[in-house]
Amino acid sequence: RAGDSISVISRALGKPPGSVFTVLKHHGGIAPGERVRRADHLSAEDR
């Protein structure tokens, strides 16, 4: 979001540029929203 390139991000994270690209491509370059459980889900204890 700050505008860093894939190569800059990969060096900062210590990951190959292809790994960074794959994550970005998978989500279309848009960060996924935070996952929220449904209110009616069963907990492990309930199951």
ModelCIF file with pLDDT and N, C-alpha, C, O atoms, coordinates in Angstrom:
data_MODEL
#
_entry.id   MODEL 
#
_entity.id                         1 
_entity.type                       polymer 
_entity.pdbx_number_of_molecules   1 
#
_entity_poly.entity_id                      1 
_entity_poly.type                           'polypeptide(L)' 
_entity_poly.nstd_linkage                   no 
_entity_poly.nstd_monomer                   no 
_entity_poly.pdbx_seq_one_letter_code       RAGDSISVISRALGKPPGSVFTVLKHHGGIAPGERVRRADHLSAEDR 
_entity_poly.pdbx_seq_one_letter_code_can   RAGDSISVISRALGKPPGSVFTVLKHHGGIAPGERVRRADHLSAEDR 
_entity_poly.pdbx_strand_id                 A 
#
loop_
_entity_poly_seq.entity_id 
_entity_poly_seq.num 
_entity_poly_seq.mon_id 
_entity_poly_seq.hetero 
1 1  ARG n 
1 2  ALA n 
1 3  GLY n 
1 4  ASP n 
1 5  SER n 
1 6  ILE n 
1 7  SER n 
1 8  VAL n 
1 9  ILE n 
1 10 SER n 
1 11 ARG n 
1 12 ALA n 
1 13 LEU n 
1 14 GLY n 
1 15 LYS n 
1 16 PRO n 
1 17 PRO n 
1 18 GLY n 
1 19 SER n 
1 20 VAL n 
1 21 PHE n 
1 22 THR n 
1 23 VAL n 
1 24 LEU n 
1 25 LYS n 
1 26 HIS n 
1 27 HIS n 
1 28 GLY n 
1 29 GLY n 
1 30 ILE n 
1 31 ALA n 
1 32 PRO n 
1 33 GLY n 
1 34 GLU n 
1 35 ARG n 
1 36 VAL n 
1 37 ARG n 
1 38 ARG n 
1 39 ALA n 
1 40 ASP n 
1 41 HIS n 
1 42 LEU n 
1 43 SER n 
1 44 ALA n 
1 45 GLU n 
1 46 ASP n 
1 47 ARG n 
#
_struct_asym.id          A 
_struct_asym.entity_id   1 
#
loop_
_ma_qa_metric.id 
_ma_qa_metric.mode 
_ma_qa_metric.name 
_ma_qa_metric.software_group_id 
_ma_qa_metric.type 
1 global pLDDT . pLDDT 
2 local  pLDDT . pLDDT 
#
_ma_qa_metric_global.metric_id      1 
_ma_qa_metric_global.metric_value   92.02 
_ma_qa_metric_global.model_id       1 
_ma_qa_metric_global.ordinal_id     1 
#
loop_
_ma_qa_metric_local.label_asym_id 
_ma_qa_metric_local.label_comp_id 
_ma_qa_metric_local.label_seq_id 
_ma_qa_metric_local.metric_id 
_ma_qa_metric_local.metric_value 
_ma_qa_metric_local.model_id 
_ma_qa_metric_local.ordinal_id 
A ARG 1  2 95.00 1 1  
A ALA 2  2 97.00 1 2  
A GLY 3  2 97.00 1 3  
A ASP 4  2 97.00 1 4  
A SER 5  2 97.00 1 5  
A ILE 6  2 97.00 1 6  
A SER 7  2 97.00 1 7  
A VAL 8  2 97.00 1 8  
A ILE 9  2 97.00 1 9  
A SER 10 2 97.00 1 10 
A ARG 11 2 97.00 1 11 
A ALA 12 2 97.00 1 12 
A LEU 13 2 97.00 1 13 
A GLY 14 2 97.00 1 14 
A LYS 15 2 96.00 1 15 
A PRO 16 2 97.00 1 16 
A PRO 17 2 97.00 1 17 
A GLY 18 2 97.00 1 18 
A SER 19 2 96.00 1 19 
A VAL 20 2 96.00 1 20 
A PHE 21 2 97.00 1 21 
A THR 22 2 96.00 1 22 
A VAL 23 2 95.00 1 23 
A LEU 24 2 96.00 1 24 
A LYS 25 2 96.00 1 25 
A HIS 26 2 95.00 1 26 
A HIS 27 2 93.00 1 27 
A GLY 28 2 95.00 1 28 
A GLY 29 2 94.00 1 29 
A ILE 30 2 93.00 1 30 
A ALA 31 2 93.00 1 31 
A PRO 32 2 90.00 1 32 
A GLY 33 2 89.00 1 33 
A GLU 34 2 86.00 1 34 
A ARG 35 2 84.00 1 35 
A VAL 36 2 87.00 1 36 
A ARG 37 2 82.00 1 37 
A ARG 38 2 84.00 1 38 
A ALA 39 2 82.00 1 39 
A ASP 40 2 83.00 1 40 
A HIS 41 2 83.00 1 41 
A LEU 42 2 83.00 1 42 
A SER 43 2 82.00 1 43 
A ALA 44 2 83.00 1 44 
A GLU 45 2 85.00 1 45 
A ASP 46 2 82.00 1 46 
A ARG 47 2 82.00 1 47 
#
loop_
_atom_site.group_PDB 
_atom_site.id 
_atom_site.type_symbol 
_atom_site.label_atom_id 
_atom_site.label_alt_id 
_atom_site.label_comp_id 
_atom_site.label_asym_id 
_atom_site.label_entity_id 
_atom_site.label_seq_id 
_atom_site.pdbx_PDB_ins_code 
_atom_site.Cartn_x 
_atom_site.Cartn_y 
_atom_site.Cartn_z 
_atom_site.occupancy 
_atom_site.B_iso_or_equiv 
_atom_site.pdbx_formal_charge 
_atom_site.auth_seq_id 
_atom_site.auth_comp_id 
_atom_site.auth_asym_id 
_atom_site.auth_atom_id 
_atom_site.pdbx_PDB_model_num 
ATOM 1   N N  . ARG A 1 1  ? 0.830   -1.218  0.000  1.00 95.00 ? 1  ARG A N  1 
ATOM 2   C CA . ARG A 1 1  ? 0.000   0.000   0.000  1.00 95.00 ? 1  ARG A CA 1 
ATOM 3   C C  . ARG A 1 1  ? 0.860   1.263   0.000  1.00 95.00 ? 1  ARG A C  1 
ATOM 4   O O  . ARG A 1 1  ? 0.459   2.285   -0.555 1.00 95.00 ? 1  ARG A O  1 
ATOM 5   N N  . ALA A 1 2  ? 2.036   1.198   0.617  1.00 97.00 ? 2  ALA A N  1 
ATOM 6   C CA . ALA A 1 2  ? 2.938   2.345   0.678  1.00 97.00 ? 2  ALA A CA 1 
ATOM 7   C C  . ALA A 1 2  ? 3.650   2.574   -0.657 1.00 97.00 ? 2  ALA A C  1 
ATOM 8   O O  . ALA A 1 2  ? 4.299   3.603   -0.844 1.00 97.00 ? 2  ALA A O  1 
ATOM 9   N N  . GLY A 1 3  ? 3.531   1.627   -1.578 1.00 97.00 ? 3  GLY A N  1 
ATOM 10  C CA . GLY A 1 3  ? 4.111   1.799   -2.898 1.00 97.00 ? 3  GLY A CA 1 
ATOM 11  C C  . GLY A 1 3  ? 5.450   1.117   -3.108 1.00 97.00 ? 3  GLY A C  1 
ATOM 12  O O  . GLY A 1 3  ? 6.108   1.346   -4.123 1.00 97.00 ? 3  GLY A O  1 
ATOM 13  N N  . ASP A 1 4  ? 5.865   0.281   -2.163 1.00 97.00 ? 4  ASP A N  1 
ATOM 14  C CA . ASP A 1 4  ? 7.122   -0.450  -2.334 1.00 97.00 ? 4  ASP A CA 1 
ATOM 15  C C  . ASP A 1 4  ? 6.989   -1.459  -3.476 1.00 97.00 ? 4  ASP A C  1 
ATOM 16  O O  . ASP A 1 4  ? 5.916   -2.012  -3.717 1.00 97.00 ? 4  ASP A O  1 
ATOM 17  N N  . SER A 1 5  ? 8.093   -1.680  -4.164 1.00 97.00 ? 5  SER A N  1 
ATOM 18  C CA . SER A 1 5  ? 8.091   -2.656  -5.256 1.00 97.00 ? 5  SER A CA 1 
ATOM 19  C C  . SER A 1 5  ? 8.177   -4.075  -4.685 1.00 97.00 ? 5  SER A C  1 
ATOM 20  O O  . SER A 1 5  ? 8.490   -4.274  -3.511 1.00 97.00 ? 5  SER A O  1 
ATOM 21  N N  . ILE A 1 6  ? 7.895   -5.039  -5.536 1.00 97.00 ? 6  ILE A N  1 
ATOM 22  C CA . ILE A 1 6  ? 7.971   -6.436  -5.120 1.00 97.00 ? 6  ILE A CA 1 
ATOM 23  C C  . ILE A 1 6  ? 9.379   -6.786  -4.667 1.00 97.00 ? 6  ILE A C  1 
ATOM 24  O O  . ILE A 1 6  ? 9.551   -7.506  -3.684 1.00 97.00 ? 6  ILE A O  1 
ATOM 25  N N  . SER A 1 7  ? 10.386  -6.287  -5.371 1.00 97.00 ? 7  SER A N  1 
ATOM 26  C CA . SER A 1 7  ? 11.764  -6.612  -4.990 1.00 97.00 ? 7  SER A CA 1 
ATOM 27  C C  . SER A 1 7  ? 12.134  -5.994  -3.638 1.00 97.00 ? 7  SER A C  1 
ATOM 28  O O  . SER A 1 7  ? 12.839  -6.626  -2.851 1.00 97.00 ? 7  SER A O  1 
ATOM 29  N N  . VAL A 1 8  ? 11.679  -4.791  -3.359 1.00 97.00 ? 8  VAL A N  1 
ATOM 30  C CA . VAL A 1 8  ? 11.947  -4.157  -2.067 1.00 97.00 ? 8  VAL A CA 1 
ATOM 31  C C  . VAL A 1 8  ? 11.245  -4.924  -0.956 1.00 97.00 ? 8  VAL A C  1 
ATOM 32  O O  . VAL A 1 8  ? 11.827  -5.173  0.099  1.00 97.00 ? 8  VAL A O  1 
ATOM 33  N N  . ILE A 1 9  ? 9.995   -5.298  -1.195 1.00 97.00 ? 9  ILE A N  1 
ATOM 34  C CA . ILE A 1 9  ? 9.233   -6.055  -0.194 1.00 97.00 ? 9  ILE A CA 1 
ATOM 35  C C  . ILE A 1 9  ? 9.897   -7.404  0.059  1.00 97.00 ? 9  ILE A C  1 
ATOM 36  O O  . ILE A 1 9  ? 10.037  -7.821  1.209  1.00 97.00 ? 9  ILE A O  1 
ATOM 37  N N  . SER A 1 10 ? 10.304  -8.082  -1.001 1.00 97.00 ? 10 SER A N  1 
ATOM 38  C CA . SER A 1 10 ? 10.907  -9.411  -0.834 1.00 97.00 ? 10 SER A CA 1 
ATOM 39  C C  . SER A 1 10 ? 12.203  -9.343  -0.029 1.00 97.00 ? 10 SER A C  1 
ATOM 40  O O  . SER A 1 10 ? 12.456  -10.208 0.810  1.00 97.00 ? 10 SER A O  1 
ATOM 41  N N  . ARG A 1 11 ? 13.025  -8.322  -0.279 1.00 97.00 ? 11 ARG A N  1 
ATOM 42  C CA . ARG A 1 11 ? 14.261  -8.173  0.504  1.00 97.00 ? 11 ARG A CA 1 
ATOM 43  C C  . ARG A 1 11 ? 13.945  -7.896  1.968  1.00 97.00 ? 11 ARG A C  1 
ATOM 44  O O  . ARG A 1 11 ? 14.591  -8.454  2.855  1.00 97.00 ? 11 ARG A O  1 
ATOM 45  N N  . ALA A 1 12 ? 12.962  -7.045  2.231  1.00 97.00 ? 12 ALA A N  1 
ATOM 46  C CA . ALA A 1 12 ? 12.602  -6.696  3.609  1.00 97.00 ? 12 ALA A CA 1 
ATOM 47  C C  . ALA A 1 12 ? 12.068  -7.905  4.367  1.00 97.00 ? 12 ALA A C  1 
ATOM 48  O O  . ALA A 1 12 ? 12.311  -8.046  5.566  1.00 97.00 ? 12 ALA A O  1 
ATOM 49  N N  . LEU A 1 13 ? 11.344  -8.774  3.675  1.00 97.00 ? 13 LEU A N  1 
ATOM 50  C CA . LEU A 1 13 ? 10.742  -9.942  4.316  1.00 97.00 ? 13 LEU A CA 1 
ATOM 51  C C  . LEU A 1 13 ? 11.653  -11.168 4.274  1.00 97.00 ? 13 LEU A C  1 
ATOM 52  O O  . LEU A 1 13 ? 11.386  -12.162 4.949  1.00 97.00 ? 13 LEU A O  1 
ATOM 53  N N  . GLY A 1 14 ? 12.712  -11.102 3.497  1.00 97.00 ? 14 GLY A N  1 
ATOM 54  C CA . GLY A 1 14 ? 13.609  -12.249 3.368  1.00 97.00 ? 14 GLY A CA 1 
ATOM 55  C C  . GLY A 1 14 ? 12.973  -13.397 2.599  1.00 97.00 ? 14 GLY A C  1 
ATOM 56  O O  . GLY A 1 14 ? 13.263  -14.565 2.858  1.00 97.00 ? 14 GLY A O  1 
ATOM 57  N N  . LYS A 1 15 ? 12.110  -13.061 1.659  1.00 96.00 ? 15 LYS A N  1 
ATOM 58  C CA . LYS A 1 15 ? 11.423  -14.060 0.835  1.00 96.00 ? 15 LYS A CA 1 
ATOM 59  C C  . LYS A 1 15 ? 11.761  -13.832 -0.627 1.00 96.00 ? 15 LYS A C  1 
ATOM 60  O O  . LYS A 1 15 ? 12.104  -12.713 -1.010 1.00 96.00 ? 15 LYS A O  1 
ATOM 61  N N  . PRO A 1 16 ? 11.674  -14.863 -1.450 1.00 97.00 ? 16 PRO A N  1 
ATOM 62  C CA . PRO A 1 16 ? 11.919  -14.679 -2.884 1.00 97.00 ? 16 PRO A CA 1 
ATOM 63  C C  . PRO A 1 16 ? 10.848  -13.775 -3.506 1.00 97.00 ? 16 PRO A C  1 
ATOM 64  O O  . PRO A 1 16 ? 9.694   -13.807 -3.078 1.00 97.00 ? 16 PRO A O  1 
ATOM 65  N N  . PRO A 1 17 ? 11.216  -12.973 -4.505 1.00 97.00 ? 17 PRO A N  1 
ATOM 66  C CA . PRO A 1 17 ? 10.229  -12.098 -5.155 1.00 97.00 ? 17 PRO A CA 1 
ATOM 67  C C  . PRO A 1 17 ? 9.031   -12.867 -5.717 1.00 97.00 ? 17 PRO A C  1 
ATOM 68  O O  . PRO A 1 17 ? 7.913   -12.352 -5.731 1.00 97.00 ? 17 PRO A O  1 
ATOM 69  N N  . GLY A 1 18 ? 9.262   -14.091 -6.176 1.00 97.00 ? 18 GLY A N  1 
ATOM 70  C CA . GLY A 1 18 ? 8.160   -14.892 -6.710 1.00 97.00 ? 18 GLY A CA 1 
ATOM 71  C C  . GLY A 1 18 ? 7.115   -15.203 -5.662 1.00 97.00 ? 18 GLY A C  1 
ATOM 72  O O  . GLY A 1 18 ? 5.928   -15.284 -5.976 1.00 97.00 ? 18 GLY A O  1 
ATOM 73  N N  . SER A 1 19 ? 7.535   -15.377 -4.426 1.00 96.00 ? 19 SER A N  1 
ATOM 74  C CA . SER A 1 19 ? 6.583   -15.649 -3.336 1.00 96.00 ? 19 SER A CA 1 
ATOM 75  C C  . SER A 1 19 ? 5.715   -14.427 -3.056 1.00 96.00 ? 19 SER A C  1 
ATOM 76  O O  . SER A 1 19 ? 4.506   -14.538 -2.853 1.00 96.00 ? 19 SER A O  1 
ATOM 77  N N  . VAL A 1 20 ? 6.356   -13.260 -3.047 1.00 96.00 ? 20 VAL A N  1 
ATOM 78  C CA . VAL A 1 20 ? 5.608   -12.017 -2.828 1.00 96.00 ? 20 VAL A CA 1 
ATOM 79  C C  . VAL A 1 20 ? 4.626   -11.809 -3.977 1.00 96.00 ? 20 VAL A C  1 
ATOM 80  O O  . VAL A 1 20 ? 3.463   -11.474 -3.752 1.00 96.00 ? 20 VAL A O  1 
ATOM 81  N N  . PHE A 1 21 ? 5.093   -12.008 -5.205 1.00 97.00 ? 21 PHE A N  1 
ATOM 82  C CA . PHE A 1 21 ? 4.236   -11.850 -6.381 1.00 97.00 ? 21 PHE A CA 1 
ATOM 83  C C  . PHE A 1 21 ? 3.034   -12.782 -6.319 1.00 97.00 ? 21 PHE A C  1 
ATOM 84  O O  . PHE A 1 21 ? 1.914   -12.382 -6.637 1.00 97.00 ? 21 PHE A O  1 
ATOM 85  N N  . THR A 1 22 ? 3.267   -14.021 -5.910 1.00 96.00 ? 22 THR A N  1 
ATOM 86  C CA . THR A 1 22 ? 2.188   -15.005 -5.842 1.00 96.00 ? 22 THR A CA 1 
ATOM 87  C C  . THR A 1 22 ? 1.102   -14.569 -4.871 1.00 96.00 ? 22 THR A C  1 
ATOM 88  O O  . THR A 1 22 ? -0.083  -14.696 -5.178 1.00 96.00 ? 22 THR A O  1 
ATOM 89  N N  . VAL A 1 23 ? 1.484   -14.061 -3.710 1.00 95.00 ? 23 VAL A N  1 
ATOM 90  C CA . VAL A 1 23 ? 0.491   -13.592 -2.732 1.00 95.00 ? 23 VAL A CA 1 
ATOM 91  C C  . VAL A 1 23 ? -0.283  -12.414 -3.309 1.00 95.00 ? 23 VAL A C  1 
ATOM 92  O O  . VAL A 1 23 ? -1.510  -12.376 -3.219 1.00 95.00 ? 23 VAL A O  1 
ATOM 93  N N  . LEU A 1 24 ? 0.419   -11.457 -3.900 1.00 96.00 ? 24 LEU A N  1 
ATOM 94  C CA . LEU A 1 24 ? -0.247  -10.294 -4.480 1.00 96.00 ? 24 LEU A CA 1 
ATOM 95  C C  . LEU A 1 24 ? -1.183  -10.697 -5.614 1.00 96.00 ? 24 LEU A C  1 
ATOM 96  O O  . LEU A 1 24 ? -2.307  -10.203 -5.701 1.00 96.00 ? 24 LEU A O  1 
ATOM 97  N N  . LYS A 1 25 ? -0.721  -11.587 -6.476 1.00 96.00 ? 25 LYS A N  1 
ATOM 98  C CA . LYS A 1 25 ? -1.532  -12.029 -7.617 1.00 96.00 ? 25 LYS A CA 1 
ATOM 99  C C  . LYS A 1 25 ? -2.779  -12.771 -7.149 1.00 96.00 ? 25 LYS A C  1 
ATOM 100 O O  . LYS A 1 25 ? -3.869  -12.567 -7.684 1.00 96.00 ? 25 LYS A O  1 
ATOM 101 N N  . HIS A 1 26 ? -2.613  -13.631 -6.150 1.00 95.00 ? 26 HIS A N  1 
ATOM 102 C CA . HIS A 1 26 ? -3.739  -14.429 -5.650 1.00 95.00 ? 26 HIS A CA 1 
ATOM 103 C C  . HIS A 1 26 ? -4.886  -13.535 -5.174 1.00 95.00 ? 26 HIS A C  1 
ATOM 104 O O  . HIS A 1 26 ? -6.056  -13.894 -5.307 1.00 95.00 ? 26 HIS A O  1 
ATOM 105 N N  . HIS A 1 27 ? -4.545  -12.379 -4.622 1.00 93.00 ? 27 HIS A N  1 
ATOM 106 C CA . HIS A 1 27 ? -5.565  -11.476 -4.091 1.00 93.00 ? 27 HIS A CA 1 
ATOM 107 C C  . HIS A 1 27 ? -5.830  -10.286 -5.009 1.00 93.00 ? 27 HIS A C  1 
ATOM 108 O O  . HIS A 1 27 ? -6.530  -9.350  -4.622 1.00 93.00 ? 27 HIS A O  1 
ATOM 109 N N  . GLY A 1 28 ? -5.283  -10.313 -6.211 1.00 95.00 ? 28 GLY A N  1 
ATOM 110 C CA . GLY A 1 28 ? -5.516  -9.227  -7.155 1.00 95.00 ? 28 GLY A CA 1 
ATOM 111 C C  . GLY A 1 28 ? -4.895  -7.909  -6.719 1.00 95.00 ? 28 GLY A C  1 
ATOM 112 O O  . GLY A 1 28 ? -5.339  -6.844  -7.148 1.00 95.00 ? 28 GLY A O  1 
ATOM 113 N N  . GLY A 1 29 ? -3.877  -7.967  -5.877 1.00 94.00 ? 29 GLY A N  1 
ATOM 114 C CA . GLY A 1 29 ? -3.215  -6.757  -5.412 1.00 94.00 ? 29 GLY A CA 1 
ATOM 115 C C  . GLY A 1 29 ? -3.967  -6.013  -4.330 1.00 94.00 ? 29 GLY A C  1 
ATOM 116 O O  . GLY A 1 29 ? -3.569  -4.917  -3.935 1.00 94.00 ? 29 GLY A O  1 
ATOM 117 N N  . ILE A 1 30 ? -5.046  -6.597  -3.847 1.00 93.00 ? 30 ILE A N  1 
ATOM 118 C CA . ILE A 1 30 ? -5.863  -5.963  -2.807 1.00 93.00 ? 30 ILE A CA 1 
ATOM 119 C C  . ILE A 1 30 ? -5.836  -6.843  -1.564 1.00 93.00 ? 30 ILE A C  1 
ATOM 120 O O  . ILE A 1 30 ? -6.144  -8.034  -1.625 1.00 93.00 ? 30 ILE A O  1 
ATOM 121 N N  . ALA A 1 31 ? -5.467  -6.246  -0.441 1.00 93.00 ? 31 ALA A N  1 
ATOM 122 C CA . ALA A 1 31 ? -5.379  -7.008  0.805  1.00 93.00 ? 31 ALA A CA 1 
ATOM 123 C C  . ALA A 1 31 ? -6.749  -7.570  1.172  1.00 93.00 ? 31 ALA A C  1 
ATOM 124 O O  . ALA A 1 31 ? -7.748  -6.853  1.115  1.00 93.00 ? 31 ALA A O  1 
ATOM 125 N N  . PRO A 1 32 ? -6.803  -8.845  1.547  1.00 90.00 ? 32 PRO A N  1 
ATOM 126 C CA . PRO A 1 32 ? -8.089  -9.428  1.937  1.00 90.00 ? 32 PRO A CA 1 
ATOM 127 C C  . PRO A 1 32 ? -8.570  -8.835  3.255  1.00 90.00 ? 32 PRO A C  1 
ATOM 128 O O  . PRO A 1 32 ? -7.772  -8.413  4.092  1.00 90.00 ? 32 PRO A O  1 
ATOM 129 N N  . GLY A 1 33 ? -9.878  -8.812  3.421  1.00 89.00 ? 33 GLY A N  1 
ATOM 130 C CA . GLY A 1 33 ? -10.451 -8.320  4.664  1.00 89.00 ? 33 GLY A CA 1 
ATOM 131 C C  . GLY A 1 33 ? -10.190 -9.276  5.810  1.00 89.00 ? 33 GLY A C  1 
ATOM 132 O O  . GLY A 1 33 ? -9.863  -10.444 5.602  1.00 89.00 ? 33 GLY A O  1 
ATOM 133 N N  . GLU A 1 34 ? -10.337 -8.772  7.009  1.00 86.00 ? 34 GLU A N  1 
ATOM 134 C CA . GLU A 1 34 ? -10.133 -9.614  8.187  1.00 86.00 ? 34 GLU A CA 1 
ATOM 135 C C  . GLU A 1 34 ? -11.236 -10.665 8.244  1.00 86.00 ? 34 GLU A C  1 
ATOM 136 O O  . GLU A 1 34 ? -12.408 -10.362 8.018  1.00 86.00 ? 34 GLU A O  1 
ATOM 137 N N  . ARG A 1 35 ? -10.856 -11.885 8.543  1.00 84.00 ? 35 ARG A N  1 
ATOM 138 C CA . ARG A 1 35 ? -11.830 -12.966 8.619  1.00 84.00 ? 35 ARG A CA 1 
ATOM 139 C C  . ARG A 1 35 ? -12.626 -12.853 9.910  1.00 84.00 ? 35 ARG A C  1 
ATOM 140 O O  . ARG A 1 35 ? -12.072 -12.618 10.984 1.00 84.00 ? 35 ARG A O  1 
ATOM 141 N N  . VAL A 1 36 ? -13.926 -13.023 9.785  1.00 87.00 ? 36 VAL A N  1 
ATOM 142 C CA . VAL A 1 36 ? -14.819 -12.936 10.941 1.00 87.00 ? 36 VAL A CA 1 
ATOM 143 C C  . VAL A 1 36 ? -15.695 -14.178 10.954 1.00 87.00 ? 36 VAL A C  1 
ATOM 144 O O  . VAL A 1 36 ? -16.303 -14.531 9.943  1.00 87.00 ? 36 VAL A O  1 
ATOM 145 N N  . ARG A 1 37 ? -15.756 -14.829 12.091 1.00 82.00 ? 37 ARG A N  1 
ATOM 146 C CA . ARG A 1 37 ? -16.612 -16.019 12.211 1.00 82.00 ? 37 ARG A CA 1 
ATOM 147 C C  . ARG A 1 37 ? -18.077 -15.607 12.307 1.00 82.00 ? 37 ARG A C  1 
ATOM 148 O O  . ARG A 1 37 ? -18.422 -14.556 12.847 1.00 82.00 ? 37 ARG A O  1 
ATOM 149 N N  . ARG A 1 38 ? -18.910 -16.467 11.769 1.00 84.00 ? 38 ARG A N  1 
ATOM 150 C CA . ARG A 1 38 ? -20.339 -16.232 11.903 1.00 84.00 ? 38 ARG A CA 1 
ATOM 151 C C  . ARG A 1 38 ? -20.733 -16.373 13.362 1.00 84.00 ? 38 ARG A C  1 
ATOM 152 O O  . ARG A 1 38 ? -20.104 -17.120 14.111 1.00 84.00 ? 38 ARG A O  1 
ATOM 153 N N  . ALA A 1 39 ? -21.764 -15.664 13.761 1.00 82.00 ? 39 ALA A N  1 
ATOM 154 C CA . ALA A 1 39 ? -22.202 -15.687 15.152 1.00 82.00 ? 39 ALA A CA 1 
ATOM 155 C C  . ALA A 1 39 ? -22.740 -17.061 15.557 1.00 82.00 ? 39 ALA A C  1 
ATOM 156 O O  . ALA A 1 39 ? -22.690 -17.416 16.735 1.00 82.00 ? 39 ALA A O  1 
ATOM 157 N N  . ASP A 1 40 ? -23.253 -17.837 14.602 1.00 83.00 ? 40 ASP A N  1 
ATOM 158 C CA . ASP A 1 40 ? -23.865 -19.117 14.944 1.00 83.00 ? 40 ASP A CA 1 
ATOM 159 C C  . ASP A 1 40 ? -22.926 -20.307 14.724 1.00 83.00 ? 40 ASP A C  1 
ATOM 160 O O  . ASP A 1 40 ? -23.395 -21.442 14.650 1.00 83.00 ? 40 ASP A O  1 
ATOM 161 N N  . HIS A 1 41 ? -21.622 -20.079 14.618 1.00 83.00 ? 41 HIS A N  1 
ATOM 162 C CA . HIS A 1 41 ? -20.701 -21.199 14.417 1.00 83.00 ? 41 HIS A CA 1 
ATOM 163 C C  . HIS A 1 41 ? -20.529 -22.019 15.706 1.00 83.00 ? 41 HIS A C  1 
ATOM 164 O O  . HIS A 1 41 ? -20.693 -21.505 16.813 1.00 83.00 ? 41 HIS A O  1 
ATOM 165 N N  . LEU A 1 42 ? -20.201 -23.283 15.535 1.00 83.00 ? 42 LEU A N  1 
ATOM 166 C CA . LEU A 1 42 ? -19.954 -24.131 16.687 1.00 83.00 ? 42 LEU A CA 1 
ATOM 167 C C  . LEU A 1 42 ? -18.489 -24.055 17.065 1.00 83.00 ? 42 LEU A C  1 
ATOM 168 O O  . LEU A 1 42 ? -17.612 -24.103 16.202 1.00 83.00 ? 42 LEU A O  1 
ATOM 169 N N  . SER A 1 43 ? -18.228 -23.938 18.344 1.00 82.00 ? 43 SER A N  1 
ATOM 170 C CA . SER A 1 43 ? -16.845 -23.967 18.826 1.00 82.00 ? 43 SER A CA 1 
ATOM 171 C C  . SER A 1 43 ? -16.392 -25.422 18.878 1.00 82.00 ? 43 SER A C  1 
ATOM 172 O O  . SER A 1 43 ? -17.195 -26.344 18.727 1.00 82.00 ? 43 SER A O  1 
ATOM 173 N N  . ALA A 1 44 ? -15.105 -25.609 19.091 1.00 83.00 ? 44 ALA A N  1 
ATOM 174 C CA . ALA A 1 44 ? -14.572 -26.977 19.226 1.00 83.00 ? 44 ALA A CA 1 
ATOM 175 C C  . ALA A 1 44 ? -15.228 -27.688 20.389 1.00 83.00 ? 44 ALA A C  1 
ATOM 176 O O  . ALA A 1 44 ? -15.531 -28.878 20.301 1.00 83.00 ? 44 ALA A O  1 
ATOM 177 N N  . GLU A 1 45 ? -15.449 -26.970 21.483 1.00 85.00 ? 45 GLU A N  1 
ATOM 178 C CA . GLU A 1 45 ? -16.097 -27.567 22.665 1.00 85.00 ? 45 GLU A CA 1 
ATOM 179 C C  . GLU A 1 45 ? -17.528 -27.999 22.341 1.00 85.00 ? 45 GLU A C  1 
ATOM 180 O O  . GLU A 1 45 ? -17.964 -29.072 22.761 1.00 85.00 ? 45 GLU A O  1 
ATOM 181 N N  . ASP A 1 46 ? -18.253 -27.172 21.603 1.00 82.00 ? 46 ASP A N  1 
ATOM 182 C CA . ASP A 1 46 ? -19.628 -27.512 21.219 1.00 82.00 ? 46 ASP A CA 1 
ATOM 183 C C  . ASP A 1 46 ? -19.665 -28.755 20.343 1.00 82.00 ? 46 ASP A C  1 
ATOM 184 O O  . ASP A 1 46 ? -20.540 -29.603 20.517 1.00 82.00 ? 46 ASP A O  1 
ATOM 185 N N  . ARG A 1 47 ? -18.732 -28.877 19.405 1.00 82.00 ? 47 ARG A N  1 
ATOM 186 C CA . ARG A 1 47 ? -18.710 -30.044 18.517 1.00 82.00 ? 47 ARG A CA 1 
ATOM 187 C C  . ARG A 1 47 ? -18.374 -31.315 19.284 1.00 82.00 ? 47 ARG A C  1 
ATOM 188 O O  . ARG A 1 47 ? -18.313 -32.393 18.694 1.00 82.00 ? 47 ARG A O  1 
#
